[in-house]
Amino acid sequence: MKNMINLIDKYISDYSVEYHEKQTLKDYCVSRIEPSISNSFNRGDIISIKLRTSVKKIKDSFLEKEKINDLLKVIYTEDKEFTNKRIISQLYSITPAIFQGKEEDFNGKTFNNYVLGDRENVDVLKSAILRNAKAKSKLDKSHDFIKKITIRNKYPIKITNLRQKNKFVYLGDKLEIEIKEDAISQRIAQNLIINGIGKMCTSGSGFLNYKLK
């Protein structure tokens, strides 16, 4: 998995140097590897990964062929444009989403993920999602685009950040989010489909699929 992350970084090296050394929002997200693998590749394995972005420079760089790292070589790329004229009714997680709260969310106590405090407190999760969506959609103010949130997993899912030397473990959840039908809510939903939801979307977290009405 780490070699795949390294390959993506090499593909978009101009952005990786700029973005991954700074605490800033990214302009792309990546999916999990298909087929699902553990921690190693075998010689001759063929795997696939999806990258979504609204930035042409990232897309064009990723579509270049013959990019190689120590263990991986690209043999095929495909470009699909996201076009949708129907109402997005729901977003749902393909990979677990990670959110950080603010100190005041739990009476001044700092925490890494809302699930460490109270998994029943969906309002805390919702506020974290709205903050994240506001930033990724570049809105001047937060907009409540959510009808309903459902946590699909019974227990928090452990996620290791492969870019960090200490391999810090986060906790995430698979979500179903029902979307409102107004224009701003629909714009936010499209942005989250393209850019992912929550933290570490460039490492495979927060990758979404959607249902249309």
Protein backbone atom coordinates (compact mmCIF):
# COMPACT_ATOMS: atom_id res chain seq x y z
CA MET A 1 0.00 0.00 0.00
CA LYS A 2 2.77 2.44 0.86
CA ASN A 3 4.39 1.85 -2.52
CA MET A 4 1.10 2.80 -4.18
CA ILE A 5 0.95 6.00 -2.11
CA ASN A 6 4.55 6.73 -3.13
CA LEU A 7 3.63 6.19 -6.78
CA ILE A 8 0.76 8.67 -6.53
CA ASP A 9 3.09 11.19 -4.89
CA LYS A 10 5.55 10.73 -7.75
CA TYR A 11 2.78 11.24 -10.30
CA ILE A 12 1.86 14.59 -8.85
CA SER A 13 5.23 15.49 -7.41
CA ASP A 14 4.75 19.24 -7.78
CA TYR A 15 1.69 19.04 -5.59
CA SER A 16 3.09 16.45 -3.19
CA VAL A 17 6.06 18.61 -2.26
CA GLU A 18 3.84 21.63 -1.77
CA TYR A 19 0.88 19.98 -0.08
CA HIS A 20 2.16 17.02 1.93
CA GLU A 21 4.71 19.10 3.81
CA LYS A 22 2.07 21.64 4.80
CA GLN A 23 -1.14 21.43 6.78
CA THR A 24 -3.44 22.47 3.96
CA LEU A 25 -6.38 21.11 2.02
CA LYS A 26 -5.62 18.83 -0.88
CA ASP A 27 -7.27 18.99 -4.31
CA TYR A 28 -7.69 15.27 -4.89
CA CYS A 29 -8.62 11.99 -3.24
CA VAL A 30 -7.74 8.37 -3.96
CA SER A 31 -9.64 5.12 -3.50
CA ARG A 32 -8.59 1.90 -1.89
CA ILE A 33 -6.58 -0.55 -3.99
CA GLU A 34 -8.53 -3.11 -6.02
CA PRO A 35 -8.40 -6.01 -5.52
CA SER A 36 -7.97 -5.54 -1.79
CA ILE A 37 -4.52 -6.59 -0.58
CA SER A 38 -2.77 -6.78 2.76
CA ASN A 39 0.71 -5.29 3.11
CA SER A 40 2.61 -6.66 0.12
CA PHE A 41 2.51 -7.20 -3.62
CA ASN A 42 3.54 -10.28 -5.56
CA ARG A 43 5.46 -10.06 -8.81
CA GLY A 44 3.02 -9.80 -11.70
CA ASP A 45 0.06 -8.58 -9.64
CA ILE A 46 -2.23 -6.16 -11.47
CA ILE A 47 -4.00 -3.69 -9.23
CA SER A 48 -6.09 -0.58 -9.81
CA ILE A 49 -6.75 2.65 -7.96
CA LYS A 50 -9.05 5.60 -8.62
CA LEU A 51 -8.03 9.24 -8.28
CA ARG A 52 -10.56 12.09 -8.33
CA THR A 53 -9.64 15.73 -8.76
CA SER A 54 -11.00 18.99 -10.15
CA VAL A 55 -7.49 20.31 -10.89
CA LYS A 56 -6.42 19.81 -14.51
CA LYS A 57 -2.69 19.83 -13.66
CA ILE A 58 -3.13 16.94 -11.23
CA LYS A 59 -5.29 15.00 -13.69
CA ASP A 60 -2.91 15.49 -16.61
CA SER A 61 0.08 14.49 -14.48
CA PHE A 62 -1.66 11.36 -13.23
CA LEU A 63 -2.59 10.30 -16.76
CA GLU A 64 1.03 10.26 -17.92
CA LYS A 65 2.26 6.72 -18.58
CA GLU A 66 5.57 4.96 -17.91
CA LYS A 67 5.88 6.40 -14.41
CA ILE A 68 7.73 3.91 -12.26
CA ASN A 69 8.87 3.61 -8.65
CA ASP A 70 10.98 0.76 -7.24
CA LEU A 71 8.24 -1.85 -7.39
CA LEU A 72 5.36 -0.54 -9.48
CA LYS A 73 4.79 0.35 -13.12
CA VAL A 74 1.72 1.93 -14.69
CA ILE A 75 0.34 -0.07 -17.60
CA TYR A 76 -3.00 1.65 -18.23
CA THR A 77 -4.83 4.85 -17.28
CA GLU A 78 -8.36 6.02 -18.06
CA ASP A 79 -9.91 9.48 -17.81
CA LYS A 80 -13.61 9.77 -16.86
CA GLU A 81 -15.32 13.12 -16.45
CA PHE A 82 -17.83 13.51 -13.63
CA THR A 83 -21.07 14.79 -15.14
CA ASN A 84 -24.38 14.70 -13.35
CA LYS A 85 -27.67 16.49 -13.98
CA ARG A 86 -29.73 14.52 -11.48
CA ILE A 87 -30.21 15.13 -7.76
CA ILE A 88 -27.62 13.53 -5.47
CA SER A 89 -29.73 11.95 -2.74
CA GLN A 90 -27.05 10.21 -0.71
CA LEU A 91 -23.30 9.99 -0.19
CA TYR A 92 -21.88 6.81 1.31
CA SER A 93 -18.39 5.74 2.30
CA ILE A 94 -16.27 3.36 0.26
CA THR A 95 -13.41 3.85 2.72
CA PRO A 96 -13.71 5.08 6.34
CA ALA A 97 -13.85 8.84 6.91
CA ILE A 98 -11.72 10.55 9.58
CA PHE A 99 -12.75 13.76 11.31
CA GLN A 100 -11.20 15.95 13.96
CA GLY A 101 -13.31 17.99 16.32
CA LYS A 102 -12.65 21.25 18.08
CA GLU A 103 -11.76 21.53 21.75
CA GLU A 104 -15.12 23.01 22.73
CA ASP A 105 -16.92 19.98 21.31
CA PHE A 106 -16.11 18.05 24.46
CA ASN A 107 -15.95 20.68 27.20
CA GLY A 108 -12.43 21.80 26.39
CA LYS A 109 -10.93 18.30 26.13
CA THR A 110 -8.82 17.73 23.05
CA PHE A 111 -9.36 14.57 21.02
CA ASN A 112 -8.30 13.13 17.69
CA ASN A 113 -11.60 11.71 16.53
CA TYR A 114 -15.14 12.27 17.69
CA VAL A 115 -15.60 8.53 18.29
CA LEU A 116 -13.16 8.74 21.21
CA GLY A 117 -15.67 10.91 23.00
CA ASP A 118 -19.18 9.77 22.27
CA ARG A 119 -20.27 7.78 19.22
CA GLU A 120 -23.89 8.50 20.03
CA ASN A 121 -23.35 12.25 19.73
CA VAL A 122 -24.06 12.59 16.00
CA ASP A 123 -24.25 16.39 16.36
CA VAL A 124 -20.49 16.47 17.00
CA LEU A 125 -19.89 14.40 13.86
CA LYS A 126 -22.23 16.64 11.88
CA SER A 127 -20.42 19.81 12.97
CA ALA A 128 -17.09 18.27 11.93
CA ILE A 129 -18.51 17.30 8.52
CA LEU A 130 -19.93 20.80 7.97
CA ARG A 131 -16.58 22.42 8.79
CA ASN A 132 -14.78 20.07 6.42
CA ALA A 133 -17.35 20.59 3.64
CA LYS A 134 -17.17 24.38 4.04
CA ALA A 135 -13.41 24.33 3.54
CA LYS A 136 -13.40 21.86 0.63
CA SER A 137 -16.22 23.69 -1.14
CA LYS A 138 -14.54 27.08 -0.51
CA LEU A 139 -17.70 28.56 0.98
CA ASP A 140 -17.76 31.87 2.85
CA LYS A 141 -19.94 30.35 5.55
CA SER A 142 -21.08 26.90 6.59
CA HIS A 143 -24.17 25.46 4.92
CA ASP A 144 -26.20 22.61 6.39
CA PHE A 145 -26.53 20.22 3.44
CA ILE A 146 -27.33 17.15 5.56
CA LYS A 147 -30.74 15.55 6.05
CA LYS A 148 -29.53 12.55 8.03
CA ILE A 149 -26.28 10.81 9.02
CA THR A 150 -25.95 7.08 9.66
CA ILE A 151 -22.81 5.35 10.98
CA ARG A 152 -22.63 2.00 9.20
CA ASN A 153 -19.96 0.28 11.31
CA LYS A 154 -20.56 -0.96 14.86
CA TYR A 155 -17.07 -0.07 16.11
CA PRO A 156 -14.50 2.55 14.99
CA ILE A 157 -12.20 1.40 12.17
CA LYS A 158 -8.44 1.72 12.67
CA ILE A 159 -6.57 3.49 9.85
CA THR A 160 -2.80 3.86 9.66
CA ASN A 161 -1.28 6.95 8.03
CA LEU A 162 1.41 5.42 5.83
CA ARG A 163 2.99 8.80 5.09
CA GLN A 164 3.89 9.36 8.74
CA LYS A 165 7.13 7.83 9.97
CA ASN A 166 5.56 6.73 13.25
CA LYS A 167 2.57 5.22 11.37
CA PHE A 168 0.07 6.98 13.63
CA VAL A 169 -3.27 5.17 13.88
CA TYR A 170 -6.50 7.13 13.39
CA LEU A 171 -10.09 6.03 13.92
CA GLY A 172 -12.67 6.38 11.18
CA ASP A 173 -16.22 5.44 10.27
CA LYS A 174 -18.19 4.44 7.20
CA LEU A 175 -21.07 6.85 6.78
CA GLU A 176 -24.30 7.31 4.91
CA ILE A 177 -25.26 10.96 4.46
CA GLU A 178 -28.64 11.93 3.04
CA ILE A 179 -28.35 15.18 1.05
CA LYS A 180 -30.72 18.12 0.76
CA GLU A 181 -31.87 19.11 -2.71
CA ASP A 182 -31.10 22.86 -2.78
CA ALA A 183 -28.42 24.12 -5.16
CA ILE A 184 -25.73 24.80 -2.52
CA SER A 185 -26.20 21.39 -0.91
CA GLN A 186 -25.86 19.72 -4.30
CA ARG A 187 -22.70 21.70 -5.07
CA ILE A 188 -21.21 20.62 -1.73
CA ALA A 189 -22.09 16.98 -2.42
CA GLN A 190 -20.34 17.10 -5.81
CA ASN A 191 -17.24 18.67 -4.23
CA LEU A 192 -17.09 15.91 -1.61
CA ILE A 193 -17.43 13.22 -4.28
CA ILE A 194 -14.44 14.73 -6.10
CA ASN A 195 -12.26 15.68 -3.13
CA GLY A 196 -13.26 13.13 -0.50
CA ILE A 197 -14.61 13.75 2.98
CA GLY A 198 -12.61 14.28 6.16
CA LYS A 199 -8.85 13.86 6.64
CA MET A 200 -6.24 11.80 4.78
CA CYS A 201 -8.23 11.56 1.54
CA THR A 202 -4.98 11.52 -0.43
CA SER A 203 -4.03 8.32 1.43
CA GLY A 204 -7.28 6.48 0.68
CA SER A 205 -9.61 7.62 3.47
CA GLY A 206 -12.97 9.33 2.96
CA PHE A 207 -13.55 8.07 -0.60
CA LEU A 208 -17.25 8.32 -1.46
CA ASN A 209 -19.84 6.88 -3.76
CA TYR A 210 -23.30 8.31 -4.30
CA LYS A 211 -26.93 7.61 -5.10
CA LEU A 212 -29.04 9.69 -7.47
CA LYS A 213 -32.71 10.57 -7.27
